[in-house]
Amino acid sequence: MTVRAFADGLAAVNASLNLVTVVLLLAGLRFIRRRDAKSHRKCMWGATTTAGLFLVLYVVRFSLTGTHRFEGPDALRVVYLSILFSHMILAVVVLPMVVRLLYLARRRRFKAHRKLARWTIPLWLYVSVTGMTVYVMLYHVAV
């Protein structure tokens, strides 16, 4: 197996981790709305774990092959770059927000946790969904 093939495999794994993160975030949101804090906690720890694993594997993939150029049609390139840049910026923004949410939950400061979560969860969902979108556009649309 070549380094490129391995890295491309990691990209597919990362897209899958983003999908699992989305499912866990939505399930966690549903559980907390039903006042099932125990299930909510499990889902949110799962989402944090899959997102963390994504980050580690992304760094590995990036260190192996660097950035990838979008090879699709020029008209679609503008859409791709718009999605990519918004994804990158919000990924940097959401990381400290997630860390803060975990801290607040650990300290049982649920009022502050709830207030921050109203902003963090939609952004985190956006980052995870656009991560999958970038993967599809880069590895399947632009082929």
C-alpha atoms as a PDB file:
ATOM      1  CA  MET A   1       0.000   0.000   0.000  1.00  0.00           C
ATOM      2  CA  THR A   2       1.320   3.426  -0.911  1.00  0.00           C
ATOM      3  CA  VAL A   3       1.431   6.371   1.459  1.00  0.00           C
ATOM      4  CA  ARG A   4      -1.132   8.137  -0.740  1.00  0.00           C
ATOM      5  CA  ALA A   5      -3.520   5.169  -0.605  1.00  0.00           C
ATOM      6  CA  PHE A   6      -3.132   4.976   3.174  1.00  0.00           C
ATOM      7  CA  ALA A   7      -3.787   8.706   3.531  1.00  0.00           C
ATOM      8  CA  ASP A   8      -6.839   8.462   1.260  1.00  0.00           C
ATOM      9  CA  GLY A   9      -8.093   5.657   3.491  1.00  0.00           C
ATOM     10  CA  LEU A  10      -7.596   7.898   6.520  1.00  0.00           C
ATOM     11  CA  ALA A  11      -9.646  10.590   4.779  1.00  0.00           C
ATOM     12  CA  ALA A  12     -12.534   8.119   4.439  1.00  0.00           C
ATOM     13  CA  VAL A  13     -12.174   7.128   8.100  1.00  0.00           C
ATOM     14  CA  ASN A  14     -12.256  10.803   9.058  1.00  0.00           C
ATOM     15  CA  ALA A  15     -15.438  11.378   7.065  1.00  0.00           C
ATOM     16  CA  SER A  16     -16.966   8.416   8.893  1.00  0.00           C
ATOM     17  CA  LEU A  17     -15.876   9.855  12.242  1.00  0.00           C
ATOM     18  CA  ASN A  18     -17.594  13.117  11.294  1.00  0.00           C
ATOM     19  CA  LEU A  19     -20.773  11.191  10.512  1.00  0.00           C
ATOM     20  CA  VAL A  20     -20.659   9.383  13.857  1.00  0.00           C
ATOM     21  CA  THR A  21     -20.060  12.737  15.592  1.00  0.00           C
ATOM     22  CA  VAL A  22     -23.164  14.204  13.926  1.00  0.00           C
ATOM     23  CA  VAL A  23     -25.295  11.220  14.965  1.00  0.00           C
ATOM     24  CA  LEU A  24     -24.024  11.400  18.559  1.00  0.00           C
ATOM     25  CA  LEU A  25     -24.560  15.169  18.770  1.00  0.00           C
ATOM     26  CA  LEU A  26     -28.132  14.853  17.513  1.00  0.00           C
ATOM     27  CA  ALA A  27     -28.831  11.944  19.848  1.00  0.00           C
ATOM     28  CA  GLY A  28     -27.331  13.871  22.766  1.00  0.00           C
ATOM     29  CA  LEU A  29     -29.498  16.856  21.936  1.00  0.00           C
ATOM     30  CA  ARG A  30     -32.579  14.662  21.821  1.00  0.00           C
ATOM     31  CA  PHE A  31     -31.721  13.019  25.138  1.00  0.00           C
ATOM     32  CA  ILE A  32     -31.230  16.305  26.975  1.00  0.00           C
ATOM     33  CA  ARG A  33     -34.528  17.611  25.614  1.00  0.00           C
ATOM     34  CA  ARG A  34     -36.120  14.497  27.125  1.00  0.00           C
ATOM     35  CA  ARG A  35     -34.276  15.250  30.387  1.00  0.00           C
ATOM     36  CA  ASP A  36     -32.218  12.057  30.137  1.00  0.00           C
ATOM     37  CA  ALA A  37     -28.937  13.534  31.370  1.00  0.00           C
ATOM     38  CA  LYS A  38     -27.165  10.165  31.669  1.00  0.00           C
ATOM     39  CA  SER A  39     -27.726   9.263  28.005  1.00  0.00           C
ATOM     40  CA  HIS A  40     -26.945  12.850  26.984  1.00  0.00           C
ATOM     41  CA  ARG A  41     -23.615  12.670  28.812  1.00  0.00           C
ATOM     42  CA  LYS A  42     -22.705   9.384  27.099  1.00  0.00           C
ATOM     43  CA  CYS A  43     -23.519  10.764  23.657  1.00  0.00           C
ATOM     44  CA  MET A  44     -21.603  13.967  24.213  1.00  0.00           C
ATOM     45  CA  TRP A  45     -18.531  12.110  25.500  1.00  0.00           C
ATOM     46  CA  GLY A  46     -18.816   9.873  22.444  1.00  0.00           C
ATOM     47  CA  ALA A  47     -19.028  12.897  20.143  1.00  0.00           C
ATOM     48  CA  THR A  48     -16.026  14.453  21.863  1.00  0.00           C
ATOM     49  CA  THR A  49     -14.078  11.200  21.521  1.00  0.00           C
ATOM     50  CA  THR A  50     -14.875  10.740  17.826  1.00  0.00           C
ATOM     51  CA  ALA A  51     -14.063  14.401  17.130  1.00  0.00           C
ATOM     52  CA  GLY A  52     -10.783  14.061  19.020  1.00  0.00           C
ATOM     53  CA  LEU A  53      -9.896  10.903  17.110  1.00  0.00           C
ATOM     54  CA  PHE A  54     -10.746  12.730  13.897  1.00  0.00           C
ATOM     55  CA  LEU A  55      -8.331  15.510  14.830  1.00  0.00           C
ATOM     56  CA  VAL A  56      -5.487  13.077  15.537  1.00  0.00           C
ATOM     57  CA  LEU A  57      -6.050  11.151  12.299  1.00  0.00           C
ATOM     58  CA  TYR A  58      -6.415  14.369  10.319  1.00  0.00           C
ATOM     59  CA  VAL A  59      -2.999  15.531  11.534  1.00  0.00           C
ATOM     60  CA  VAL A  60      -1.533  12.127  10.564  1.00  0.00           C
ATOM     61  CA  ARG A  61      -3.114  12.305   7.096  1.00  0.00           C
ATOM     62  CA  PHE A  62      -2.002  15.892   6.610  1.00  0.00           C
ATOM     63  CA  SER A  63       1.551  15.083   7.690  1.00  0.00           C
ATOM     64  CA  LEU A  64       1.672  12.259   5.143  1.00  0.00           C
ATOM     65  CA  THR A  65       0.263  14.028   2.085  1.00  0.00           C
ATOM     66  CA  GLY A  66      -0.302  17.703   2.866  1.00  0.00           C
ATOM     67  CA  THR A  67      -3.133  19.634   1.291  1.00  0.00           C
ATOM     68  CA  HIS A  68      -5.106  18.402  -1.681  1.00  0.00           C
ATOM     69  CA  ARG A  69      -6.048  20.496  -4.670  1.00  0.00           C
ATOM     70  CA  PHE A  70      -9.692  20.469  -5.755  1.00  0.00           C
ATOM     71  CA  GLU A  71      -9.714  19.043  -9.271  1.00  0.00           C
ATOM     72  CA  GLY A  72     -13.411  19.525 -10.036  1.00  0.00           C
ATOM     73  CA  PRO A  73     -15.003  22.061 -12.359  1.00  0.00           C
ATOM     74  CA  ASP A  74     -14.148  25.719 -11.782  1.00  0.00           C
ATOM     75  CA  ALA A  75     -17.784  26.628 -11.050  1.00  0.00           C
ATOM     76  CA  LEU A  76     -17.856  24.044  -8.268  1.00  0.00           C
ATOM     77  CA  ARG A  77     -14.433  25.139  -7.005  1.00  0.00           C
ATOM     78  CA  VAL A  78     -15.910  28.381  -5.637  1.00  0.00           C
ATOM     79  CA  VAL A  79     -18.546  26.401  -3.726  1.00  0.00           C
ATOM     80  CA  TYR A  80     -15.909  23.963  -2.465  1.00  0.00           C
ATOM     81  CA  LEU A  81     -13.599  26.730  -1.250  1.00  0.00           C
ATOM     82  CA  SER A  82     -16.464  28.568   0.451  1.00  0.00           C
ATOM     83  CA  ILE A  83     -17.447  25.427   2.329  1.00  0.00           C
ATOM     84  CA  LEU A  84     -13.812  24.586   3.123  1.00  0.00           C
ATOM     85  CA  PHE A  85     -12.932  28.029   4.491  1.00  0.00           C
ATOM     86  CA  SER A  86     -16.076  28.309   6.613  1.00  0.00           C
ATOM     87  CA  HIS A  87     -15.395  24.769   7.891  1.00  0.00           C
ATOM     88  CA  MET A  88     -11.788  25.595   8.801  1.00  0.00           C
ATOM     89  CA  ILE A  89     -12.601  28.866  10.556  1.00  0.00           C
ATOM     90  CA  LEU A  90     -15.479  27.424  12.556  1.00  0.00           C
ATOM     91  CA  ALA A  91     -13.485  24.301  13.453  1.00  0.00           C
ATOM     92  CA  VAL A  92     -10.930  26.561  15.138  1.00  0.00           C
ATOM     93  CA  VAL A  93     -13.718  28.525  16.858  1.00  0.00           C
ATOM     94  CA  VAL A  94     -15.673  25.488  18.091  1.00  0.00           C
ATOM     95  CA  LEU A  95     -12.749  23.645  19.698  1.00  0.00           C
ATOM     96  CA  PRO A  96     -12.354  25.937  22.741  1.00  0.00           C
ATOM     97  CA  MET A  97     -16.144  26.129  23.013  1.00  0.00           C
ATOM     98  CA  VAL A  98     -16.355  22.339  23.334  1.00  0.00           C
ATOM     99  CA  VAL A  99     -13.561  22.310  25.899  1.00  0.00           C
ATOM    100  CA  ARG A 100     -15.412  24.981  27.876  1.00  0.00           C
ATOM    101  CA  LEU A 101     -18.665  22.981  27.697  1.00  0.00           C
ATOM    102  CA  LEU A 102     -16.903  19.939  29.110  1.00  0.00           C
ATOM    103  CA  TYR A 103     -15.416  22.046  31.884  1.00  0.00           C
ATOM    104  CA  LEU A 104     -18.785  23.567  32.774  1.00  0.00           C
ATOM    105  CA  ALA A 105     -20.487  20.176  32.803  1.00  0.00           C
ATOM    106  CA  ARG A 106     -17.725  18.707  34.954  1.00  0.00           C
ATOM    107  CA  ARG A 107     -18.117  21.569  37.429  1.00  0.00           C
ATOM    108  CA  ARG A 108     -21.912  21.052  37.339  1.00  0.00           C
ATOM    109  CA  ARG A 109     -22.436  24.635  36.151  1.00  0.00           C
ATOM    110  CA  PHE A 110     -25.385  23.613  34.019  1.00  0.00           C
ATOM    111  CA  LYS A 111     -26.925  27.059  33.519  1.00  0.00           C
ATOM    112  CA  ALA A 112     -23.711  28.375  31.922  1.00  0.00           C
ATOM    113  CA  HIS A 113     -23.279  25.029  30.105  1.00  0.00           C
ATOM    114  CA  ARG A 114     -26.772  25.279  28.596  1.00  0.00           C
ATOM    115  CA  LYS A 115     -26.238  28.890  27.533  1.00  0.00           C
ATOM    116  CA  LEU A 116     -22.964  28.108  25.731  1.00  0.00           C
ATOM    117  CA  ALA A 117     -24.305  24.850  24.259  1.00  0.00           C
ATOM    118  CA  ARG A 118     -27.020  26.770  22.386  1.00  0.00           C
ATOM    119  CA  TRP A 119     -24.231  28.287  20.277  1.00  0.00           C
ATOM    120  CA  THR A 120     -21.735  25.448  20.299  1.00  0.00           C
ATOM    121  CA  ILE A 121     -23.910  22.544  19.163  1.00  0.00           C
ATOM    122  CA  PRO A 122     -25.102  24.182  15.907  1.00  0.00           C
ATOM    123  CA  LEU A 123     -21.539  25.248  15.090  1.00  0.00           C
ATOM    124  CA  TRP A 124     -20.161  21.790  15.923  1.00  0.00           C
ATOM    125  CA  LEU A 125     -22.829  20.173  13.746  1.00  0.00           C
ATOM    126  CA  TYR A 126     -21.966  22.555  10.916  1.00  0.00           C
ATOM    127  CA  VAL A 127     -18.259  21.743  11.219  1.00  0.00           C
ATOM    128  CA  SER A 128     -18.913  17.993  11.191  1.00  0.00           C
ATOM    129  CA  VAL A 129     -21.357  18.116   8.263  1.00  0.00           C
ATOM    130  CA  THR A 130     -19.123  20.389   6.204  1.00  0.00           C
ATOM    131  CA  GLY A 131     -16.191  18.091   6.992  1.00  0.00           C
ATOM    132  CA  MET A 132     -18.093  15.259   5.328  1.00  0.00           C
ATOM    133  CA  THR A 133     -19.078  17.578   2.474  1.00  0.00           C
ATOM    134  CA  VAL A 134     -15.455  18.586   1.870  1.00  0.00           C
ATOM    135  CA  TYR A 135     -14.455  14.908   1.805  1.00  0.00           C
ATOM    136  CA  VAL A 136     -17.171  14.025  -0.729  1.00  0.00           C
ATOM    137  CA  MET A 137     -16.340  17.009  -2.927  1.00  0.00           C
ATOM    138  CA  LEU A 138     -12.599  16.356  -2.795  1.00  0.00           C
ATOM    139  CA  TYR A 139     -12.552  12.567  -3.154  1.00  0.00           C
ATOM    140  CA  HIS A 140     -15.735  11.751  -5.065  1.00  0.00           C
ATOM    141  CA  VAL A 141     -17.011  14.787  -6.976  1.00  0.00           C
ATOM    142  CA  ALA A 142     -13.656  16.069  -8.191  1.00  0.00           C
ATOM    143  CA  VAL A 143     -12.472  12.678  -9.455  1.00  0.00           C
END
